[in-house]
Amino acid sequence: MSPQKTPGPWRAAWRGMGHWRWLWLVLLLLWLGFLPAEFSK
């Protein structure tokens, strides 16, 4: 499973998302920051 052999699908999907990828990235970071706070209750 080497990234060199398949440069296509993930990169194409990432490009295809356009502006949405940044929204998802921010949401993911917020979610990851939120989880530890939830678990430490």
PDB file of N, CA and C in Angstrom:
ATOM      1  N   MET A   1       0.846  -1.206   0.000  1.00  0.00           N
ATOM      2  CA  MET A   1       0.000   0.000   0.000  1.00  0.00           C
ATOM      3  C   MET A   1       0.882   1.256   0.000  1.00  0.00           C
ATOM      4  N   SER A   2       1.412   1.582  -1.159  1.00  0.00           N
ATOM      5  CA  SER A   2       2.296   2.744  -1.249  1.00  0.00           C
ATOM      6  C   SER A   2       1.593   3.909  -1.936  1.00  0.00           C
ATOM      7  N   PRO A   3       1.722   5.113  -1.368  1.00  0.00           N
ATOM      8  CA  PRO A   3       1.056   6.292  -1.930  1.00  0.00           C
ATOM      9  C   PRO A   3       1.522   6.631  -3.337  1.00  0.00           C
ATOM     10  N   GLN A   4       2.745   6.203  -3.678  1.00  0.00           N
ATOM     11  CA  GLN A   4       3.267   6.521  -5.010  1.00  0.00           C
ATOM     12  C   GLN A   4       2.464   5.830  -6.112  1.00  0.00           C
ATOM     13  N   LYS A   5       1.984   4.611  -5.812  1.00  0.00           N
ATOM     14  CA  LYS A   5       1.268   3.851  -6.836  1.00  0.00           C
ATOM     15  C   LYS A   5      -0.119   4.426  -7.119  1.00  0.00           C
ATOM     16  N   THR A   6      -0.741   5.027  -6.106  1.00  0.00           N
ATOM     17  CA  THR A   6      -2.081   5.571  -6.303  1.00  0.00           C
ATOM     18  C   THR A   6      -2.149   7.039  -5.895  1.00  0.00           C
ATOM     19  N   PRO A   7      -1.647   7.931  -6.754  1.00  0.00           N
ATOM     20  CA  PRO A   7      -1.717   9.356  -6.445  1.00  0.00           C
ATOM     21  C   PRO A   7      -3.096   9.939  -6.734  1.00  0.00           C
ATOM     22  N   GLY A   8      -3.906   9.164  -7.451  1.00  0.00           N
ATOM     23  CA  GLY A   8      -5.171   9.670  -7.976  1.00  0.00           C
ATOM     24  C   GLY A   8      -6.309   9.929  -7.011  1.00  0.00           C
ATOM     25  N   PRO A   9      -6.966   8.857  -6.526  1.00  0.00           N
ATOM     26  CA  PRO A   9      -8.281   8.987  -5.876  1.00  0.00           C
ATOM     27  C   PRO A   9      -8.350  10.015  -4.750  1.00  0.00           C
ATOM     28  N   TRP A  10      -7.450   9.920  -3.781  1.00  0.00           N
ATOM     29  CA  TRP A  10      -7.522  10.826  -2.629  1.00  0.00           C
ATOM     30  C   TRP A  10      -7.265  12.264  -3.036  1.00  0.00           C
ATOM     31  N   ARG A  11      -6.283  12.447  -3.905  1.00  0.00           N
ATOM     32  CA  ARG A  11      -5.946  13.798  -4.341  1.00  0.00           C
ATOM     33  C   ARG A  11      -7.091  14.412  -5.148  1.00  0.00           C
ATOM     34  N   ALA A  12      -7.690  13.587  -6.008  1.00  0.00           N
ATOM     35  CA  ALA A  12      -8.808  14.059  -6.825  1.00  0.00           C
ATOM     36  C   ALA A  12     -10.004  14.406  -5.948  1.00  0.00           C
ATOM     37  N   ALA A  13     -10.253  13.563  -4.947  1.00  0.00           N
ATOM     38  CA  ALA A  13     -11.375  13.807  -4.041  1.00  0.00           C
ATOM     39  C   ALA A  13     -11.133  15.076  -3.225  1.00  0.00           C
ATOM     40  N   TRP A  14      -9.883  15.247  -2.780  1.00  0.00           N
ATOM     41  CA  TRP A  14      -9.517  16.430  -1.993  1.00  0.00           C
ATOM     42  C   TRP A  14      -9.696  17.697  -2.814  1.00  0.00           C
ATOM     43  N   ARG A  15      -9.257  17.626  -4.093  1.00  0.00           N
ATOM     44  CA  ARG A  15      -9.413  18.784  -4.974  1.00  0.00           C
ATOM     45  C   ARG A  15     -10.880  19.024  -5.292  1.00  0.00           C
ATOM     46  N   GLY A  16     -11.624  17.930  -5.454  1.00  0.00           N
ATOM     47  CA  GLY A  16     -13.034  18.034  -5.815  1.00  0.00           C
ATOM     48  C   GLY A  16     -13.878  18.688  -4.735  1.00  0.00           C
ATOM     49  N   MET A  17     -13.409  18.611  -3.489  1.00  0.00           N
ATOM     50  CA  MET A  17     -14.168  19.198  -2.381  1.00  0.00           C
ATOM     51  C   MET A  17     -14.111  20.718  -2.397  1.00  0.00           C
ATOM     52  N   GLY A  18     -13.079  21.263  -3.024  1.00  0.00           N
ATOM     53  CA  GLY A  18     -12.970  22.712  -3.120  1.00  0.00           C
ATOM     54  C   GLY A  18     -12.911  23.379  -1.751  1.00  0.00           C
ATOM     55  N   HIS A  19     -13.775  24.380  -1.541  1.00  0.00           N
ATOM     56  CA  HIS A  19     -13.766  25.136  -0.291  1.00  0.00           C
ATOM     57  C   HIS A  19     -14.199  24.294   0.896  1.00  0.00           C
ATOM     58  N   TRP A  20     -15.012  23.270   0.627  1.00  0.00           N
ATOM     59  CA  TRP A  20     -15.560  22.458   1.717  1.00  0.00           C
ATOM     60  C   TRP A  20     -14.481  21.764   2.519  1.00  0.00           C
ATOM     61  N   ARG A  21     -13.347  21.437   1.867  1.00  0.00           N
ATOM     62  CA  ARG A  21     -12.298  20.705   2.590  1.00  0.00           C
ATOM     63  C   ARG A  21     -11.796  21.503   3.785  1.00  0.00           C
ATOM     64  N   TRP A  22     -11.753  22.820   3.666  1.00  0.00           N
ATOM     65  CA  TRP A  22     -11.279  23.648   4.785  1.00  0.00           C
ATOM     66  C   TRP A  22     -12.305  23.669   5.898  1.00  0.00           C
ATOM     67  N   LEU A  23     -13.591  23.677   5.519  1.00  0.00           N
ATOM     68  CA  LEU A  23     -14.644  23.617   6.532  1.00  0.00           C
ATOM     69  C   LEU A  23     -14.559  22.312   7.305  1.00  0.00           C
ATOM     70  N   TRP A  24     -14.378  21.209   6.576  1.00  0.00           N
ATOM     71  CA  TRP A  24     -14.258  19.902   7.229  1.00  0.00           C
ATOM     72  C   TRP A  24     -13.023  19.847   8.112  1.00  0.00           C
ATOM     73  N   LEU A  25     -11.937  20.456   7.652  1.00  0.00           N
ATOM     74  CA  LEU A  25     -10.701  20.456   8.425  1.00  0.00           C
ATOM     75  C   LEU A  25     -10.892  21.198   9.745  1.00  0.00           C
ATOM     76  N   VAL A  26     -11.548  22.351   9.683  1.00  0.00           N
ATOM     77  CA  VAL A  26     -11.830  23.135  10.893  1.00  0.00           C
ATOM     78  C   VAL A  26     -12.760  22.368  11.827  1.00  0.00           C
ATOM     79  N   LEU A  27     -13.803  21.764  11.267  1.00  0.00           N
ATOM     80  CA  LEU A  27     -14.736  20.981  12.077  1.00  0.00           C
ATOM     81  C   LEU A  27     -14.033  19.823  12.758  1.00  0.00           C
ATOM     82  N   LEU A  28     -13.145  19.165  12.031  1.00  0.00           N
ATOM     83  CA  LEU A  28     -12.400  18.040  12.585  1.00  0.00           C
ATOM     84  C   LEU A  28     -11.513  18.499  13.743  1.00  0.00           C
ATOM     85  N   LEU A  29     -10.827  19.623  13.556  1.00  0.00           N
ATOM     86  CA  LEU A  29      -9.957  20.143  14.611  1.00  0.00           C
ATOM     87  C   LEU A  29     -10.765  20.542  15.841  1.00  0.00           C
ATOM     88  N   LEU A  30     -11.911  21.179  15.623  1.00  0.00           N
ATOM     89  CA  LEU A  30     -12.779  21.553  16.738  1.00  0.00           C
ATOM     90  C   LEU A  30     -13.271  20.316  17.472  1.00  0.00           C
ATOM     91  N   TRP A  31     -13.638  19.290  16.700  1.00  0.00           N
ATOM     92  CA  TRP A  31     -14.136  18.046  17.269  1.00  0.00           C
ATOM     93  C   TRP A  31     -13.060  17.351  18.096  1.00  0.00           C
ATOM     94  N   LEU A  32     -11.839  17.315  17.545  1.00  0.00           N
ATOM     95  CA  LEU A  32     -10.724  16.692  18.256  1.00  0.00           C
ATOM     96  C   LEU A  32     -10.373  17.473  19.524  1.00  0.00           C
ATOM     97  N   GLY A  33     -10.553  18.777  19.494  1.00  0.00           N
ATOM     98  CA  GLY A  33     -10.288  19.596  20.670  1.00  0.00           C
ATOM     99  C   GLY A  33     -11.390  19.448  21.710  1.00  0.00           C
ATOM    100  N   PHE A  34     -12.582  19.100  21.243  1.00  0.00           N
ATOM    101  CA  PHE A  34     -13.756  18.997  22.107  1.00  0.00           C
ATOM    102  C   PHE A  34     -13.806  17.660  22.830  1.00  0.00           C
ATOM    103  N   LEU A  35     -13.344  16.596  22.154  1.00  0.00           N
ATOM    104  CA  LEU A  35     -13.408  15.252  22.727  1.00  0.00           C
ATOM    105  C   LEU A  35     -12.711  15.104  24.078  1.00  0.00           C
ATOM    106  N   PRO A  36     -11.446  15.527  24.210  1.00  0.00           N
ATOM    107  CA  PRO A  36     -10.758  15.370  25.498  1.00  0.00           C
ATOM    108  C   PRO A  36     -11.500  16.057  26.640  1.00  0.00           C
ATOM    109  N   ALA A  37     -12.104  17.206  26.373  1.00  0.00           N
ATOM    110  CA  ALA A  37     -12.856  17.927  27.395  1.00  0.00           C
ATOM    111  C   ALA A  37     -14.066  17.103  27.839  1.00  0.00           C
ATOM    112  N   GLU A  38     -14.700  16.436  26.888  1.00  0.00           N
ATOM    113  CA  GLU A  38     -15.850  15.590  27.194  1.00  0.00           C
ATOM    114  C   GLU A  38     -15.442  14.400  28.042  1.00  0.00           C
ATOM    115  N   PHE A  39     -14.319  13.789  27.700  1.00  0.00           N
ATOM    116  CA  PHE A  39     -13.893  12.577  28.401  1.00  0.00           C
ATOM    117  C   PHE A  39     -13.356  12.873  29.799  1.00  0.00           C
ATOM    118  N   SER A  40     -12.887  14.091  30.021  1.00  0.00           N
ATOM    119  CA  SER A  40     -12.283  14.413  31.314  1.00  0.00           C
ATOM    120  C   SER A  40     -13.321  14.809  32.361  1.00  0.00           C
ATOM    121  N   LYS A  41     -14.599  14.852  31.956  1.00  0.00           N
ATOM    122  CA  LYS A  41     -15.654  15.206  32.910  1.00  0.00           C
ATOM    123  C   LYS A  41     -15.776  14.151  33.997  1.00  0.00           C
TER     124      LYS A  41
END
